[in-house]
C-alpha cells in the first residue's frame, strides 16, 4: 500500500486536477464492482439513511468515486495555496471559530469522515488558524510517515492518538484548536448514541476534553458542493458548560453529525461496519 500512495501522489501532481479526477474516478468505479466485501459494507452502512436498495447502491458507488477524489486532493497538497482556496472553497462561519478561540480556552473541532476532512484542516491552517489534528497512527510506519508528511505540508500538526491526552490538554491550555473525527471509534470505549434510528458508538474524547477544560466544541465540515468545489462550514459552538456528562455532550453533537451525513451520504467514507 505504501507504494500505491507514493504512485498516487506522483500521478496526482503530474496530471492536471481534472484529469487526475477522471483517472481516479475510473479506478474507484472498478474497485466498487470488483470488491464485493467493501461494496456490501458501504451499502450496509447506508441502509438506515437510504431505504431504497437501488438508491443505496447508486449512493455507494458515489462514495467510492468521491473517496477517490478526496485522495487526489490530499495527494496534491504541494499545490495547495490561497489561490486554490479562493477559487474552489466557500467558507461559512469562520467567525464562529474565531469567537470560540477568543475565550482563551481553546476549541475542539468535531467532524466526520465526510467530504474531505483532511483538506478541512489544511484549508483552516492556510487561513491563519493553527490546526492540531488527532489522528490514529497507521500500523505501517512508512504509510504513517507519508500521511503525516502530507499534513505537515499544509501546516497541520498531527497529534498521535496514542499520546493525545497529555498533548491535547497542553494545546487547549494554550488556546489552540484541536480537531477530532467524531463519527467513529478506533480504540478504547465509546458512547452509544442513536443516529438514523440505529445504535452506534461515538468516541468520548471530544466530550472528555471539553468538560475538563471548558473548551467549546465546534462542529465543522468540509463537503463537496459539486465535482470540483467545496464548502467549509463552522457551525455554532456547543457551550459545554451547560452539560454535566460526556454522554450529554456526545448526544448534542451527534445530532449535527447526523444532519450533515444525512445531507451528504454519498460523501461519507466508512469502509467497515458502522452500526451495532
C-alpha atoms as a PDB file:
ATOM      1  CA  UNK A   1       0.000   0.000   0.000  1.00  0.00           C
ATOM      2  CA  UNK A   2       2.875   2.372   0.675  1.00  0.00           C
ATOM      3  CA  UNK A   3       3.945   2.327  -2.965  1.00  0.00           C
ATOM      4  CA  UNK A   4       0.312   2.810  -4.029  1.00  0.00           C
ATOM      5  CA  UNK A   5       0.267   6.087  -2.090  1.00  0.00           C
ATOM      6  CA  UNK A   6       3.622   7.148  -3.493  1.00  0.00           C
ATOM      7  CA  UNK A   7       2.460   6.435  -7.043  1.00  0.00           C
ATOM      8  CA  UNK A   8      -0.887   8.099  -6.389  1.00  0.00           C
ATOM      9  CA  UNK A   9       0.789  11.287  -5.200  1.00  0.00           C
ATOM     10  CA  UNK A  10       3.138  11.329  -8.180  1.00  0.00           C
ATOM     11  CA  UNK A  11       0.273  10.933 -10.661  1.00  0.00           C
ATOM     12  CA  UNK A  12      -1.951  13.447  -8.873  1.00  0.00           C
ATOM     13  CA  UNK A  13       0.815  16.039  -9.018  1.00  0.00           C
ATOM     14  CA  UNK A  14       1.797  15.235 -12.617  1.00  0.00           C
ATOM     15  CA  UNK A  15      -1.655  15.425 -14.185  1.00  0.00           C
ATOM     16  CA  UNK A  16      -3.963  18.449 -14.142  1.00  0.00           C
ATOM     17  CA  UNK A  17      -6.538  18.165 -11.356  1.00  0.00           C
ATOM     18  CA  UNK A  18      -9.462  17.464 -13.701  1.00  0.00           C
ATOM     19  CA  UNK A  19      -7.625  14.671 -15.492  1.00  0.00           C
ATOM     20  CA  UNK A  20      -6.456  13.217 -12.179  1.00  0.00           C
ATOM     21  CA  UNK A  21     -10.090  13.203 -11.040  1.00  0.00           C
ATOM     22  CA  UNK A  22     -11.139  11.354 -14.183  1.00  0.00           C
ATOM     23  CA  UNK A  23      -8.496   8.654 -13.727  1.00  0.00           C
ATOM     24  CA  UNK A  24      -9.257   8.304 -10.007  1.00  0.00           C
ATOM     25  CA  UNK A  25     -12.981   8.052 -10.671  1.00  0.00           C
ATOM     26  CA  UNK A  26     -12.426   5.281 -13.216  1.00  0.00           C
ATOM     27  CA  UNK A  27     -10.281   3.291 -10.780  1.00  0.00           C
ATOM     28  CA  UNK A  28     -12.810   3.817  -7.985  1.00  0.00           C
ATOM     29  CA  UNK A  29     -15.645   2.550 -10.171  1.00  0.00           C
ATOM     30  CA  UNK A  30     -13.639  -0.577 -10.940  1.00  0.00           C
ATOM     31  CA  UNK A  31     -12.988  -1.064  -7.228  1.00  0.00           C
ATOM     32  CA  UNK A  32     -16.694  -0.731  -6.495  1.00  0.00           C
ATOM     33  CA  UNK A  33     -17.580  -3.557  -8.858  1.00  0.00           C
ATOM     34  CA  UNK A  34     -14.587  -5.770  -8.062  1.00  0.00           C
ATOM     35  CA  UNK A  35     -14.600  -5.543  -4.252  1.00  0.00           C
ATOM     36  CA  UNK A  36     -17.840  -7.152  -3.105  1.00  0.00           C
ATOM     37  CA  UNK A  37     -16.779  -7.001   0.548  1.00  0.00           C
ATOM     38  CA  UNK A  38     -16.199  -3.231   0.563  1.00  0.00           C
ATOM     39  CA  UNK A  39     -19.280  -2.620  -1.570  1.00  0.00           C
ATOM     40  CA  UNK A  40     -21.534  -4.595   0.768  1.00  0.00           C
ATOM     41  CA  UNK A  41     -20.147  -2.826   3.845  1.00  0.00           C
ATOM     42  CA  UNK A  42     -20.785   0.626   2.390  1.00  0.00           C
ATOM     43  CA  UNK A  43     -24.284  -0.345   1.265  1.00  0.00           C
ATOM     44  CA  UNK A  44     -24.961  -1.718   4.751  1.00  0.00           C
ATOM     45  CA  UNK A  45     -23.732   1.475   6.410  1.00  0.00           C
ATOM     46  CA  UNK A  46     -26.074   3.498   4.216  1.00  0.00           C
ATOM     47  CA  UNK A  47     -29.115   1.310   4.930  1.00  0.00           C
ATOM     48  CA  UNK A  48     -30.598   3.454   7.770  1.00  0.00           C
ATOM     49  CA  UNK A  49     -30.147   6.603   5.692  1.00  0.00           C
ATOM     50  CA  UNK A  50     -31.416   5.437   2.292  1.00  0.00           C
ATOM     51  CA  UNK A  51     -34.275   2.958   2.435  1.00  0.00           C
ATOM     52  CA  UNK A  52     -34.464   2.052  -1.238  1.00  0.00           C
ATOM     53  CA  UNK A  53     -31.969  -0.697  -2.134  1.00  0.00           C
ATOM     54  CA  UNK A  54     -31.306   0.559  -5.646  1.00  0.00           C
ATOM     55  CA  UNK A  55     -30.725   4.111  -4.417  1.00  0.00           C
ATOM     56  CA  UNK A  56     -28.331   2.787  -1.769  1.00  0.00           C
ATOM     57  CA  UNK A  57     -26.291   1.017  -4.444  1.00  0.00           C
ATOM     58  CA  UNK A  58     -26.117   4.189  -6.537  1.00  0.00           C
ATOM     59  CA  UNK A  59     -25.068   6.190  -3.500  1.00  0.00           C
ATOM     60  CA  UNK A  60     -22.467   3.586  -2.514  1.00  0.00           C
ATOM     61  CA  UNK A  61     -20.877   3.828  -5.947  1.00  0.00           C
ATOM     62  CA  UNK A  62     -20.661   7.606  -5.481  1.00  0.00           C
ATOM     63  CA  UNK A  63     -18.974   7.028  -2.115  1.00  0.00           C
ATOM     64  CA  UNK A  64     -16.179   5.116  -3.839  1.00  0.00           C
ATOM     65  CA  UNK A  65     -15.762   7.794  -6.503  1.00  0.00           C
ATOM     66  CA  UNK A  66     -15.870  10.727  -4.073  1.00  0.00           C
ATOM     67  CA  UNK A  67     -13.328   8.988  -1.860  1.00  0.00           C
ATOM     68  CA  UNK A  68     -11.026   8.745  -4.885  1.00  0.00           C
ATOM     69  CA  UNK A  69     -11.460  12.485  -5.479  1.00  0.00           C
ATOM     70  CA  UNK A  70     -10.663  13.069  -1.811  1.00  0.00           C
ATOM     71  CA  UNK A  71      -7.372  11.195  -2.232  1.00  0.00           C
ATOM     72  CA  UNK A  72      -6.448  13.204  -5.323  1.00  0.00           C
ATOM     73  CA  UNK A  73      -6.749  16.482  -3.438  1.00  0.00           C
ATOM     74  CA  UNK A  74      -4.909  15.032  -0.447  1.00  0.00           C
ATOM     75  CA  UNK A  75      -2.077  13.927  -2.715  1.00  0.00           C
ATOM     76  CA  UNK A  76      -1.909  17.414  -4.286  1.00  0.00           C
ATOM     77  CA  UNK A  77      -1.028  19.281  -1.089  1.00  0.00           C
ATOM     78  CA  UNK A  78       2.188  20.559  -2.687  1.00  0.00           C
ATOM     79  CA  UNK A  79      -0.041  22.631  -4.980  1.00  0.00           C
ATOM     80  CA  UNK A  80      -2.388  23.811  -2.233  1.00  0.00           C
ATOM     81  CA  UNK A  81      -2.319  27.583  -1.696  1.00  0.00           C
ATOM     82  CA  UNK A  82      -4.534  30.577  -1.043  1.00  0.00           C
ATOM     83  CA  UNK A  83      -5.329  30.857  -4.762  1.00  0.00           C
ATOM     84  CA  UNK A  84      -6.832  27.334  -4.680  1.00  0.00           C
ATOM     85  CA  UNK A  85      -8.895  28.243  -1.616  1.00  0.00           C
ATOM     86  CA  UNK A  86     -10.175  31.443  -3.205  1.00  0.00           C
ATOM     87  CA  UNK A  87     -11.215  29.636  -6.383  1.00  0.00           C
ATOM     88  CA  UNK A  88     -12.528  26.311  -5.078  1.00  0.00           C
ATOM     89  CA  UNK A  89     -13.564  26.735  -1.426  1.00  0.00           C
ATOM     90  CA  UNK A  90     -16.519  28.609   0.030  1.00  0.00           C
ATOM     91  CA  UNK A  91     -16.118  29.249   3.758  1.00  0.00           C
ATOM     92  CA  UNK A  92     -19.003  29.854   6.175  1.00  0.00           C
ATOM     93  CA  UNK A  93     -18.989  30.531   9.900  1.00  0.00           C
ATOM     94  CA  UNK A  94     -15.309  31.374  10.315  1.00  0.00           C
ATOM     95  CA  UNK A  95     -16.474  33.968  12.852  1.00  0.00           C
ATOM     96  CA  UNK A  96     -17.824  31.102  14.967  1.00  0.00           C
ATOM     97  CA  UNK A  97     -14.331  29.631  15.173  1.00  0.00           C
ATOM     98  CA  UNK A  98     -12.711  32.959  15.931  1.00  0.00           C
ATOM     99  CA  UNK A  99     -15.222  33.795  18.662  1.00  0.00           C
ATOM    100  CA  UNK A 100     -14.687  30.400  20.301  1.00  0.00           C
ATOM    101  CA  UNK A 101     -10.920  30.929  20.326  1.00  0.00           C
ATOM    102  CA  UNK A 102     -11.322  34.363  21.920  1.00  0.00           C
ATOM    103  CA  UNK A 103     -12.324  32.656  25.165  1.00  0.00           C
ATOM    104  CA  UNK A 104      -8.666  31.542  25.506  1.00  0.00           C
ATOM    105  CA  UNK A 105      -9.687  28.009  26.440  1.00  0.00           C
ATOM    106  CA  UNK A 106      -9.018  26.562  23.031  1.00  0.00           C
ATOM    107  CA  UNK A 107     -11.623  24.997  20.773  1.00  0.00           C
ATOM    108  CA  UNK A 108     -12.438  21.415  19.852  1.00  0.00           C
ATOM    109  CA  UNK A 109     -13.424  20.871  16.229  1.00  0.00           C
ATOM    110  CA  UNK A 110     -15.527  17.754  15.679  1.00  0.00           C
ATOM    111  CA  UNK A 111     -16.052  16.489  12.152  1.00  0.00           C
ATOM    112  CA  UNK A 112     -16.805  13.221  10.347  1.00  0.00           C
ATOM    113  CA  UNK A 113     -15.306  11.026   7.642  1.00  0.00           C
ATOM    114  CA  UNK A 114     -17.230  13.244   5.274  1.00  0.00           C
ATOM    115  CA  UNK A 115     -16.384  15.265   2.180  1.00  0.00           C
ATOM    116  CA  UNK A 116     -12.680  15.997   2.521  1.00  0.00           C
ATOM    117  CA  UNK A 117     -11.924  16.100   6.227  1.00  0.00           C
ATOM    118  CA  UNK A 118      -8.170  16.137   5.608  1.00  0.00           C
ATOM    119  CA  UNK A 119      -8.464  19.191   3.375  1.00  0.00           C
ATOM    120  CA  UNK A 120     -10.573  20.873   6.057  1.00  0.00           C
ATOM    121  CA  UNK A 121      -7.579  21.022   8.357  1.00  0.00           C
ATOM    122  CA  UNK A 122      -5.268  22.146   5.571  1.00  0.00           C
ATOM    123  CA  UNK A 123      -7.563  24.968   4.441  1.00  0.00           C
ATOM    124  CA  UNK A 124      -8.218  26.116   8.006  1.00  0.00           C
ATOM    125  CA  UNK A 125      -4.476  26.216   8.592  1.00  0.00           C
ATOM    126  CA  UNK A 126      -3.880  28.244   5.437  1.00  0.00           C
ATOM    127  CA  UNK A 127      -6.486  30.787   6.567  1.00  0.00           C
ATOM    128  CA  UNK A 128      -4.246  31.545   9.522  1.00  0.00           C
ATOM    129  CA  UNK A 129      -5.679  29.281  12.236  1.00  0.00           C
ATOM    130  CA  UNK A 130      -3.297  26.681  13.617  1.00  0.00           C
ATOM    131  CA  UNK A 131      -4.828  23.196  13.463  1.00  0.00           C
ATOM    132  CA  UNK A 132      -3.854  20.261  15.651  1.00  0.00           C
ATOM    133  CA  UNK A 133      -5.456  17.080  14.338  1.00  0.00           C
ATOM    134  CA  UNK A 134      -5.787  13.973  16.495  1.00  0.00           C
ATOM    135  CA  UNK A 135      -5.141  11.016  14.214  1.00  0.00           C
ATOM    136  CA  UNK A 136      -4.867   7.275  14.621  1.00  0.00           C
ATOM    137  CA  UNK A 137      -1.432   6.047  13.594  1.00  0.00           C
ATOM    138  CA  UNK A 138      -1.195   3.636  10.686  1.00  0.00           C
ATOM    139  CA  UNK A 139       0.299   0.258  11.547  1.00  0.00           C
ATOM    140  CA  UNK A 140       2.762   0.578   8.689  1.00  0.00           C
ATOM    141  CA  UNK A 141       5.381   3.126   9.741  1.00  0.00           C
ATOM    142  CA  UNK A 142       6.126   4.277   6.198  1.00  0.00           C
ATOM    143  CA  UNK A 143       2.434   4.866   5.447  1.00  0.00           C
ATOM    144  CA  UNK A 144       2.051   6.702   8.738  1.00  0.00           C
ATOM    145  CA  UNK A 145       5.000   8.940   7.899  1.00  0.00           C
ATOM    146  CA  UNK A 146       3.594   9.552   4.415  1.00  0.00           C
ATOM    147  CA  UNK A 147       0.260  10.785   5.774  1.00  0.00           C
ATOM    148  CA  UNK A 148       1.863  12.938   8.457  1.00  0.00           C
ATOM    149  CA  UNK A 149       4.275  14.482   5.945  1.00  0.00           C
ATOM    150  CA  UNK A 150       1.358  15.365   3.674  1.00  0.00           C
ATOM    151  CA  UNK A 151      -0.465  17.013   6.577  1.00  0.00           C
ATOM    152  CA  UNK A 152       2.610  18.960   7.622  1.00  0.00           C
ATOM    153  CA  UNK A 153       2.954  20.386   4.087  1.00  0.00           C
ATOM    154  CA  UNK A 154      -0.276  22.300   4.741  1.00  0.00           C
ATOM    155  CA  UNK A 155       0.724  23.276   8.273  1.00  0.00           C
ATOM    156  CA  UNK A 156      -1.444  20.757  10.123  1.00  0.00           C
ATOM    157  CA  UNK A 157       0.131  19.494  13.348  1.00  0.00           C
ATOM    158  CA  UNK A 158      -0.633  15.806  13.922  1.00  0.00           C
ATOM    159  CA  UNK A 159      -1.312  14.561  17.445  1.00  0.00           C
ATOM    160  CA  UNK A 160      -0.997  10.798  17.660  1.00  0.00           C
ATOM    161  CA  UNK A 161      -3.998   9.213  19.344  1.00  0.00           C
ATOM    162  CA  UNK A 162      -1.599   7.154  21.461  1.00  0.00           C
ATOM    163  CA  UNK A 163      -0.320  10.286  23.250  1.00  0.00           C
ATOM    164  CA  UNK A 164      -3.358  12.505  22.792  1.00  0.00           C
ATOM    165  CA  UNK A 165      -4.432  13.024  26.412  1.00  0.00           C
ATOM    166  CA  UNK A 166      -1.424  14.956  27.695  1.00  0.00           C
ATOM    167  CA  UNK A 167      -0.826  16.745  24.405  1.00  0.00           C
ATOM    168  CA  UNK A 168      -4.433  17.862  23.941  1.00  0.00           C
ATOM    169  CA  UNK A 169      -4.591  19.301  27.445  1.00  0.00           C
ATOM    170  CA  UNK A 170      -1.440  21.273  26.689  1.00  0.00           C
ATOM    171  CA  UNK A 171      -2.731  22.585  23.349  1.00  0.00           C
ATOM    172  CA  UNK A 172      -6.118  23.603  24.737  1.00  0.00           C
ATOM    173  CA  UNK A 173      -4.442  25.340  27.661  1.00  0.00           C
ATOM    174  CA  UNK A 174      -2.543  27.419  25.081  1.00  0.00           C
ATOM    175  CA  UNK A 175      -5.884  28.351  23.478  1.00  0.00           C
ATOM    176  CA  UNK A 176      -5.354  26.357  20.290  1.00  0.00           C
ATOM    177  CA  UNK A 177      -7.711  24.419  18.026  1.00  0.00           C
ATOM    178  CA  UNK A 178      -7.750  20.626  18.343  1.00  0.00           C
ATOM    179  CA  UNK A 179      -9.639  18.603  15.718  1.00  0.00           C
ATOM    180  CA  UNK A 180     -11.232  15.177  16.126  1.00  0.00           C
ATOM    181  CA  UNK A 181     -13.050  12.780  13.834  1.00  0.00           C
ATOM    182  CA  UNK A 182     -16.164  12.296  15.906  1.00  0.00           C
ATOM    183  CA  UNK A 183     -18.162   9.721  13.976  1.00  0.00           C
ATOM    184  CA  UNK A 184     -16.111   6.596  14.614  1.00  0.00           C
ATOM    185  CA  UNK A 185     -14.237   4.949  17.471  1.00  0.00           C
ATOM    186  CA  UNK A 186     -10.946   3.248  16.703  1.00  0.00           C
ATOM    187  CA  UNK A 187      -9.726   2.332  20.148  1.00  0.00           C
ATOM    188  CA  UNK A 188     -10.989   2.261  23.695  1.00  0.00           C
ATOM    189  CA  UNK A 189     -14.608   2.513  24.718  1.00  0.00           C
ATOM    190  CA  UNK A 190     -17.231   4.645  23.069  1.00  0.00           C
ATOM    191  CA  UNK A 191     -20.583   6.170  23.924  1.00  0.00           C
ATOM    192  CA  UNK A 192     -23.709   4.623  22.419  1.00  0.00           C
ATOM    193  CA  UNK A 193     -25.995   7.040  20.584  1.00  0.00           C
ATOM    194  CA  UNK A 194     -28.944   6.854  18.230  1.00  0.00           C
ATOM    195  CA  UNK A 195     -28.329   8.059  14.687  1.00  0.00           C
ATOM    196  CA  UNK A 196     -30.809   7.478  11.901  1.00  0.00           C
ATOM    197  CA  UNK A 197     -32.812   5.355  14.384  1.00  0.00           C
ATOM    198  CA  UNK A 198     -29.890   2.931  14.778  1.00  0.00           C
ATOM    199  CA  UNK A 199     -27.336   2.469  17.544  1.00  0.00           C
ATOM    200  CA  UNK A 200     -23.655   3.203  17.045  1.00  0.00           C
ATOM    201  CA  UNK A 201     -20.660   4.111  19.174  1.00  0.00           C
ATOM    202  CA  UNK A 202     -19.033   7.534  19.071  1.00  0.00           C
ATOM    203  CA  UNK A 203     -15.693   8.454  20.655  1.00  0.00           C
ATOM    204  CA  UNK A 204     -15.762  10.078  24.078  1.00  0.00           C
ATOM    205  CA  UNK A 205     -12.552  12.078  23.527  1.00  0.00           C
ATOM    206  CA  UNK A 206     -14.058  15.429  22.409  1.00  0.00           C
ATOM    207  CA  UNK A 207     -16.571  15.420  25.272  1.00  0.00           C
ATOM    208  CA  UNK A 208     -13.912  14.401  27.806  1.00  0.00           C
ATOM    209  CA  UNK A 209     -11.589  17.264  26.890  1.00  0.00           C
ATOM    210  CA  UNK A 210     -14.416  19.790  26.632  1.00  0.00           C
ATOM    211  CA  UNK A 211     -15.726  19.035  30.109  1.00  0.00           C
ATOM    212  CA  UNK A 212     -12.243  19.019  31.642  1.00  0.00           C
ATOM    213  CA  UNK A 213     -11.057  22.273  30.042  1.00  0.00           C
ATOM    214  CA  UNK A 214     -14.191  24.308  29.348  1.00  0.00           C
ATOM    215  CA  UNK A 215     -13.305  24.482  25.649  1.00  0.00           C
ATOM    216  CA  UNK A 216     -16.228  24.858  23.277  1.00  0.00           C
ATOM    217  CA  UNK A 217     -16.983  22.104  20.786  1.00  0.00           C
ATOM    218  CA  UNK A 218     -17.104  23.334  17.203  1.00  0.00           C
ATOM    219  CA  UNK A 219     -18.849  21.040  14.670  1.00  0.00           C
ATOM    220  CA  UNK A 220     -17.083  21.648  11.356  1.00  0.00           C
ATOM    221  CA  UNK A 221     -17.491  20.039   7.946  1.00  0.00           C
ATOM    222  CA  UNK A 222     -15.810  20.247   4.552  1.00  0.00           C
ATOM    223  CA  UNK A 223     -18.233  18.962   1.939  1.00  0.00           C
ATOM    224  CA  UNK A 224     -18.061  18.761  -1.823  1.00  0.00           C
ATOM    225  CA  UNK A 225     -20.602  21.078  -3.441  1.00  0.00           C
ATOM    226  CA  UNK A 226     -20.049  19.604  -6.871  1.00  0.00           C
ATOM    227  CA  UNK A 227     -17.233  17.773  -8.540  1.00  0.00           C
ATOM    228  CA  UNK A 228     -14.509  20.382  -8.085  1.00  0.00           C
ATOM    229  CA  UNK A 229     -15.733  22.790  -5.400  1.00  0.00           C
ATOM    230  CA  UNK A 230     -16.031  22.619  -1.620  1.00  0.00           C
ATOM    231  CA  UNK A 231     -17.866  24.277   1.243  1.00  0.00           C
ATOM    232  CA  UNK A 232     -16.138  24.603   4.630  1.00  0.00           C
ATOM    233  CA  UNK A 233     -18.678  25.154   7.403  1.00  0.00           C
ATOM    234  CA  UNK A 234     -18.041  26.054  11.036  1.00  0.00           C
ATOM    235  CA  UNK A 235     -21.256  25.538  12.972  1.00  0.00           C
ATOM    236  CA  UNK A 236     -22.099  27.493  16.117  1.00  0.00           C
ATOM    237  CA  UNK A 237     -20.037  26.261  19.086  1.00  0.00           C
ATOM    238  CA  UNK A 238     -21.602  23.967  21.641  1.00  0.00           C
ATOM    239  CA  UNK A 239     -21.151  25.554  25.060  1.00  0.00           C
ATOM    240  CA  UNK A 240     -20.218  22.548  27.142  1.00  0.00           C
ATOM    241  CA  UNK A 241     -20.713  24.422  30.428  1.00  0.00           C
ATOM    242  CA  UNK A 242     -24.401  23.562  30.149  1.00  0.00           C
ATOM    243  CA  UNK A 243     -23.686  19.799  30.235  1.00  0.00           C
ATOM    244  CA  UNK A 244     -22.686  17.574  33.141  1.00  0.00           C
ATOM    245  CA  UNK A 245     -21.821  14.290  31.415  1.00  0.00           C
ATOM    246  CA  UNK A 246     -19.856  13.095  28.418  1.00  0.00           C
ATOM    247  CA  UNK A 247     -22.956  11.260  27.208  1.00  0.00           C
ATOM    248  CA  UNK A 248     -24.938  14.513  27.065  1.00  0.00           C
ATOM    249  CA  UNK A 249     -22.207  16.310  25.118  1.00  0.00           C
ATOM    250  CA  UNK A 250     -21.817  13.466  22.613  1.00  0.00           C
ATOM    251  CA  UNK A 251     -25.572  13.282  22.115  1.00  0.00           C
ATOM    252  CA  UNK A 252     -25.643  17.006  21.389  1.00  0.00           C
ATOM    253  CA  UNK A 253     -23.040  16.967  18.635  1.00  0.00           C
ATOM    254  CA  UNK A 254     -24.160  13.599  17.252  1.00  0.00           C
ATOM    255  CA  UNK A 255     -27.306  15.371  16.069  1.00  0.00           C
ATOM    256  CA  UNK A 256     -25.133  17.716  13.996  1.00  0.00           C
ATOM    257  CA  UNK A 257     -23.157  14.774  12.605  1.00  0.00           C
ATOM    258  CA  UNK A 258     -26.420  13.080  11.673  1.00  0.00           C
ATOM    259  CA  UNK A 259     -27.623  16.229   9.914  1.00  0.00           C
ATOM    260  CA  UNK A 260     -24.552  16.524   7.682  1.00  0.00           C
ATOM    261  CA  UNK A 261     -24.178  12.810   6.979  1.00  0.00           C
ATOM    262  CA  UNK A 262     -27.876  12.692   6.093  1.00  0.00           C
ATOM    263  CA  UNK A 263     -27.436  15.577   3.640  1.00  0.00           C
ATOM    264  CA  UNK A 264     -24.299  14.112   2.035  1.00  0.00           C
ATOM    265  CA  UNK A 265     -24.361  10.306   2.377  1.00  0.00           C
ATOM    266  CA  UNK A 266     -22.520   9.944  -0.937  1.00  0.00           C
ATOM    267  CA  UNK A 267     -19.522  11.612   0.736  1.00  0.00           C
ATOM    268  CA  UNK A 268     -19.426   9.507   3.917  1.00  0.00           C
ATOM    269  CA  UNK A 269     -16.319   7.308   3.783  1.00  0.00           C
ATOM    270  CA  UNK A 270     -16.549   4.382   6.160  1.00  0.00           C
ATOM    271  CA  UNK A 271     -15.494   1.007   4.824  1.00  0.00           C
ATOM    272  CA  UNK A 272     -16.010  -1.024   7.990  1.00  0.00           C
ATOM    273  CA  UNK A 273     -19.401  -1.946   9.543  1.00  0.00           C
ATOM    274  CA  UNK A 274     -20.784   1.011  11.485  1.00  0.00           C
ATOM    275  CA  UNK A 275     -23.992   0.031  13.246  1.00  0.00           C
ATOM    276  CA  UNK A 276     -24.333  -2.065  16.391  1.00  0.00           C
END
